[in-house]
Amino acid sequence: MSWRWWLAAATSAPDVDQVRGLWRAARAAGEPQWYLDLIARIGRQTAAGPSRADS
């Protein structure tokens, strides 16, 4: 899969559990560590909820 697919899926994931699953799948697919870190950052933002800028 294209690296853009993983980012799009992580960004649109409705909850942190889905982002975790995507991270695991990307890791199994052999994505580089910097890319896994980027997906993890999206997961942390998802877990934190909406930003203050959105309110």
PDB file of N, CA and C in Angstrom:
ATOM      1  N   MET A   1       0.841  -1.184   0.000  1.00  0.00           N
ATOM      2  CA  MET A   1       0.000   0.000   0.000  1.00  0.00           C
ATOM      3  C   MET A   1       0.877   1.235   0.000  1.00  0.00           C
ATOM      4  N   SER A   2       0.346   2.258  -0.541  1.00  0.00           N
ATOM      5  CA  SER A   2       1.047   3.537  -0.582  1.00  0.00           C
ATOM      6  C   SER A   2       1.088   4.157   0.813  1.00  0.00           C
ATOM      7  N   TRP A   3       2.200   4.849   1.091  1.00  0.00           N
ATOM      8  CA  TRP A   3       2.300   5.504   2.394  1.00  0.00           C
ATOM      9  C   TRP A   3       1.201   6.532   2.582  1.00  0.00           C
ATOM     10  N   ARG A   4       0.720   7.104   1.522  1.00  0.00           N
ATOM     11  CA  ARG A   4      -0.368   8.084   1.649  1.00  0.00           C
ATOM     12  C   ARG A   4      -1.651   7.416   2.141  1.00  0.00           C
ATOM     13  N   TRP A   5      -1.839   6.156   1.751  1.00  0.00           N
ATOM     14  CA  TRP A   5      -3.038   5.439   2.191  1.00  0.00           C
ATOM     15  C   TRP A   5      -3.043   5.305   3.704  1.00  0.00           C
ATOM     16  N   TRP A   6      -1.910   4.920   4.273  1.00  0.00           N
ATOM     17  CA  TRP A   6      -1.833   4.758   5.727  1.00  0.00           C
ATOM     18  C   TRP A   6      -2.149   6.070   6.441  1.00  0.00           C
ATOM     19  N   LEU A   7      -1.606   7.180   5.941  1.00  0.00           N
ATOM     20  CA  LEU A   7      -1.873   8.479   6.578  1.00  0.00           C
ATOM     21  C   LEU A   7      -3.334   8.866   6.459  1.00  0.00           C
ATOM     22  N   ALA A   8      -3.912   8.664   5.295  1.00  0.00           N
ATOM     23  CA  ALA A   8      -5.323   9.004   5.105  1.00  0.00           C
ATOM     24  C   ALA A   8      -6.201   8.166   6.030  1.00  0.00           C
ATOM     25  N   ALA A   9      -5.905   6.887   6.135  1.00  0.00           N
ATOM     26  CA  ALA A   9      -6.695   6.013   7.003  1.00  0.00           C
ATOM     27  C   ALA A   9      -6.544   6.405   8.466  1.00  0.00           C
ATOM     28  N   ALA A  10      -5.327   6.717   8.899  1.00  0.00           N
ATOM     29  CA  ALA A  10      -5.108   7.105  10.296  1.00  0.00           C
ATOM     30  C   ALA A  10      -5.786   8.428  10.613  1.00  0.00           C
ATOM     31  N   THR A  11      -5.719   9.364   9.690  1.00  0.00           N
ATOM     32  CA  THR A  11      -6.328  10.678   9.911  1.00  0.00           C
ATOM     33  C   THR A  11      -7.851  10.587  10.013  1.00  0.00           C
ATOM     34  N   SER A  12      -8.450   9.690   9.241  1.00  0.00           N
ATOM     35  CA  SER A  12      -9.907   9.577   9.247  1.00  0.00           C
ATOM     36  C   SER A  12     -10.427   8.536  10.233  1.00  0.00           C
ATOM     37  N   ALA A  13      -9.543   7.893  10.977  1.00  0.00           N
ATOM     38  CA  ALA A  13      -9.967   6.875  11.946  1.00  0.00           C
ATOM     39  C   ALA A  13     -10.838   7.503  13.028  1.00  0.00           C
ATOM     40  N   PRO A  14     -11.946   6.851  13.363  1.00  0.00           N
ATOM     41  CA  PRO A  14     -12.859   7.436  14.352  1.00  0.00           C
ATOM     42  C   PRO A  14     -12.378   7.329  15.796  1.00  0.00           C
ATOM     43  N   ASP A  15     -11.459   6.400  16.077  1.00  0.00           N
ATOM     44  CA  ASP A  15     -10.981   6.268  17.457  1.00  0.00           C
ATOM     45  C   ASP A  15      -9.539   5.770  17.486  1.00  0.00           C
ATOM     46  N   VAL A  16      -8.960   5.861  18.661  1.00  0.00           N
ATOM     47  CA  VAL A  16      -7.542   5.535  18.815  1.00  0.00           C
ATOM     48  C   VAL A  16      -7.276   4.050  18.584  1.00  0.00           C
ATOM     49  N   ASP A  17      -8.240   3.187  18.880  1.00  0.00           N
ATOM     50  CA  ASP A  17      -8.042   1.756  18.660  1.00  0.00           C
ATOM     51  C   ASP A  17      -7.856   1.436  17.183  1.00  0.00           C
ATOM     52  N   GLN A  18      -8.582   2.129  16.337  1.00  0.00           N
ATOM     53  CA  GLN A  18      -8.417   1.914  14.902  1.00  0.00           C
ATOM     54  C   GLN A  18      -7.055   2.420  14.431  1.00  0.00           C
ATOM     55  N   VAL A  19      -6.597   3.532  14.987  1.00  0.00           N
ATOM     56  CA  VAL A  19      -5.267   4.036  14.635  1.00  0.00           C
ATOM     57  C   VAL A  19      -4.199   3.034  15.074  1.00  0.00           C
ATOM     58  N   ARG A  20      -4.373   2.439  16.250  1.00  0.00           N
ATOM     59  CA  ARG A  20      -3.418   1.422  16.708  1.00  0.00           C
ATOM     60  C   ARG A  20      -3.362   0.248  15.740  1.00  0.00           C
ATOM     61  N   GLY A  21      -4.521  -0.188  15.270  1.00  0.00           N
ATOM     62  CA  GLY A  21      -4.557  -1.278  14.306  1.00  0.00           C
ATOM     63  C   GLY A  21      -3.862  -0.915  13.008  1.00  0.00           C
ATOM     64  N   LEU A  22      -4.045   0.314  12.558  1.00  0.00           N
ATOM     65  CA  LEU A  22      -3.367   0.773  11.349  1.00  0.00           C
ATOM     66  C   LEU A  22      -1.856   0.838  11.560  1.00  0.00           C
ATOM     67  N   TRP A  23      -1.435   1.280  12.752  1.00  0.00           N
ATOM     68  CA  TRP A  23      -0.005   1.333  13.061  1.00  0.00           C
ATOM     69  C   TRP A  23       0.597  -0.060  12.997  1.00  0.00           C
ATOM     70  N   ARG A  24      -0.106  -1.033  13.588  1.00  0.00           N
ATOM     71  CA  ARG A  24       0.390  -2.417  13.566  1.00  0.00           C
ATOM     72  C   ARG A  24       0.460  -2.959  12.147  1.00  0.00           C
ATOM     73  N   ALA A  25      -0.535  -2.649  11.338  1.00  0.00           N
ATOM     74  CA  ALA A  25      -0.543  -3.117   9.945  1.00  0.00           C
ATOM     75  C   ALA A  25       0.594  -2.468   9.150  1.00  0.00           C
ATOM     76  N   ALA A  26       0.820  -1.187   9.376  1.00  0.00           N
ATOM     77  CA  ALA A  26       1.908  -0.496   8.683  1.00  0.00           C
ATOM     78  C   ALA A  26       3.258  -1.068   9.109  1.00  0.00           C
ATOM     79  N   ARG A  27       3.388  -1.391  10.373  1.00  0.00           N
ATOM     80  CA  ARG A  27       4.633  -1.990  10.862  1.00  0.00           C
ATOM     81  C   ARG A  27       4.851  -3.356  10.212  1.00  0.00           C
ATOM     82  N   ALA A  28       3.788  -4.152  10.158  1.00  0.00           N
ATOM     83  CA  ALA A  28       3.894  -5.476   9.532  1.00  0.00           C
ATOM     84  C   ALA A  28       4.221  -5.362   8.041  1.00  0.00           C
ATOM     85  N   ALA A  29       3.798  -4.264   7.418  1.00  0.00           N
ATOM     86  CA  ALA A  29       4.064  -4.049   5.997  1.00  0.00           C
ATOM     87  C   ALA A  29       5.485  -3.541   5.753  1.00  0.00           C
ATOM     88  N   GLY A  30       6.225  -3.283   6.843  1.00  0.00           N
ATOM     89  CA  GLY A  30       7.614  -2.870   6.693  1.00  0.00           C
ATOM     90  C   GLY A  30       7.830  -1.383   6.502  1.00  0.00           C
ATOM     91  N   GLU A  31       6.865  -0.574   6.921  1.00  0.00           N
ATOM     92  CA  GLU A  31       7.035   0.878   6.808  1.00  0.00           C
ATOM     93  C   GLU A  31       8.179   1.328   7.719  1.00  0.00           C
ATOM     94  N   PRO A  32       8.918   2.382   7.333  1.00  0.00           N
ATOM     95  CA  PRO A  32      10.049   2.853   8.142  1.00  0.00           C
ATOM     96  C   PRO A  32       9.592   3.478   9.468  1.00  0.00           C
ATOM     97  N   GLN A  33      10.525   3.515  10.421  1.00  0.00           N
ATOM     98  CA  GLN A  33      10.203   4.006  11.761  1.00  0.00           C
ATOM     99  C   GLN A  33       9.686   5.443  11.751  1.00  0.00           C
ATOM    100  N   TRP A  34      10.248   6.325  10.936  1.00  0.00           N
ATOM    101  CA  TRP A  34       9.779   7.716  10.920  1.00  0.00           C
ATOM    102  C   TRP A  34       8.304   7.779  10.529  1.00  0.00           C
ATOM    103  N   TYR A  35       7.901   6.866   9.675  1.00  0.00           N
ATOM    104  CA  TYR A  35       6.511   6.848   9.231  1.00  0.00           C
ATOM    105  C   TYR A  35       5.604   6.294  10.326  1.00  0.00           C
ATOM    106  N   LEU A  36       6.068   5.277  11.030  1.00  0.00           N
ATOM    107  CA  LEU A  36       5.303   4.741  12.164  1.00  0.00           C
ATOM    108  C   LEU A  36       5.153   5.805  13.245  1.00  0.00           C
ATOM    109  N   ASP A  37       6.196   6.612  13.446  1.00  0.00           N
ATOM    110  CA  ASP A  37       6.119   7.707  14.416  1.00  0.00           C
ATOM    111  C   ASP A  37       5.055   8.723  14.019  1.00  0.00           C
ATOM    112  N   LEU A  38       4.938   8.985  12.737  1.00  0.00           N
ATOM    113  CA  LEU A  38       3.934   9.927  12.248  1.00  0.00           C
ATOM    114  C   LEU A  38       2.524   9.392  12.500  1.00  0.00           C
ATOM    115  N   ILE A  39       2.313   8.113  12.235  1.00  0.00           N
ATOM    116  CA  ILE A  39       1.011   7.502  12.505  1.00  0.00           C
ATOM    117  C   ILE A  39       0.718   7.541  14.010  1.00  0.00           C
ATOM    118  N   ALA A  40       1.727   7.278  14.833  1.00  0.00           N
ATOM    119  CA  ALA A  40       1.546   7.327  16.285  1.00  0.00           C
ATOM    120  C   ALA A  40       1.159   8.725  16.745  1.00  0.00           C
ATOM    121  N   ARG A  41       1.745   9.739  16.136  1.00  0.00           N
ATOM    122  CA  ARG A  41       1.391  11.121  16.492  1.00  0.00           C
ATOM    123  C   ARG A  41      -0.083  11.386  16.185  1.00  0.00           C
ATOM    124  N   ILE A  42      -0.555  10.895  15.055  1.00  0.00           N
ATOM    125  CA  ILE A  42      -1.971  11.045  14.711  1.00  0.00           C
ATOM    126  C   ILE A  42      -2.833  10.342  15.755  1.00  0.00           C
ATOM    127  N   GLY A  43      -2.387   9.154  16.191  1.00  0.00           N
ATOM    128  CA  GLY A  43      -3.116   8.421  17.220  1.00  0.00           C
ATOM    129  C   GLY A  43      -3.194   9.171  18.529  1.00  0.00           C
ATOM    130  N   ARG A  44      -2.095   9.807  18.914  1.00  0.00           N
ATOM    131  CA  ARG A  44      -2.107  10.595  20.157  1.00  0.00           C
ATOM    132  C   ARG A  44      -3.050  11.785  20.038  1.00  0.00           C
ATOM    133  N   GLN A  45      -3.087  12.406  18.889  1.00  0.00           N
ATOM    134  CA  GLN A  45      -4.000  13.535  18.688  1.00  0.00           C
ATOM    135  C   GLN A  45      -5.447  13.062  18.706  1.00  0.00           C
ATOM    136  N   THR A  46      -5.704  11.888  18.145  1.00  0.00           N
ATOM    137  CA  THR A  46      -7.046  11.324  18.152  1.00  0.00           C
ATOM    138  C   THR A  46      -7.478  11.018  19.583  1.00  0.00           C
ATOM    139  N   ALA A  47      -6.571  10.472  20.373  1.00  0.00           N
ATOM    140  CA  ALA A  47      -6.885  10.133  21.762  1.00  0.00           C
ATOM    141  C   ALA A  47      -7.151  11.380  22.599  1.00  0.00           C
ATOM    142  N   ALA A  48      -6.481  12.480  22.270  1.00  0.00           N
ATOM    143  CA  ALA A  48      -6.638  13.724  23.023  1.00  0.00           C
ATOM    144  C   ALA A  48      -7.980  14.395  22.746  1.00  0.00           C
ATOM    145  N   GLY A  49      -8.603  14.048  21.640  1.00  0.00           N
ATOM    146  CA  GLY A  49      -9.887  14.643  21.295  1.00  0.00           C
ATOM    147  C   GLY A  49      -9.714  15.880  20.435  1.00  0.00           C
ATOM    148  N   PRO A  50     -10.809  16.592  20.213  1.00  0.00           N
ATOM    149  CA  PRO A  50     -10.739  17.785  19.360  1.00  0.00           C
ATOM    150  C   PRO A  50      -9.832  18.849  19.953  1.00  0.00           C
ATOM    151  N   SER A  51      -9.162  19.554  19.069  1.00  0.00           N
ATOM    152  CA  SER A  51      -8.270  20.616  19.545  1.00  0.00           C
ATOM    153  C   SER A  51      -9.093  21.816  20.007  1.00  0.00           C
ATOM    154  N   ARG A  52      -8.454  22.682  20.766  1.00  0.00           N
ATOM    155  CA  ARG A  52      -9.147  23.882  21.230  1.00  0.00           C
ATOM    156  C   ARG A  52      -9.498  24.808  20.079  1.00  0.00           C
ATOM    157  N   ALA A  53      -8.745  24.732  19.013  1.00  0.00           N
ATOM    158  CA  ALA A  53      -9.019  25.568  17.848  1.00  0.00           C
ATOM    159  C   ALA A  53     -10.366  25.206  17.210  1.00  0.00           C
ATOM    160  N   ASP A  54     -10.795  23.956  17.411  1.00  0.00           N
ATOM    161  CA  ASP A  54     -12.069  23.515  16.839  1.00  0.00           C
ATOM    162  C   ASP A  54     -13.266  23.997  17.652  1.00  0.00           C
ATOM    163  N   SER A  55     -13.045  24.431  18.892  1.00  0.00           N
ATOM    164  CA  SER A  55     -14.189  24.816  19.725  1.00  0.00           C
ATOM    165  C   SER A  55     -14.497  26.286  19.665  1.00  0.00           C
TER     166      SER A  55
END
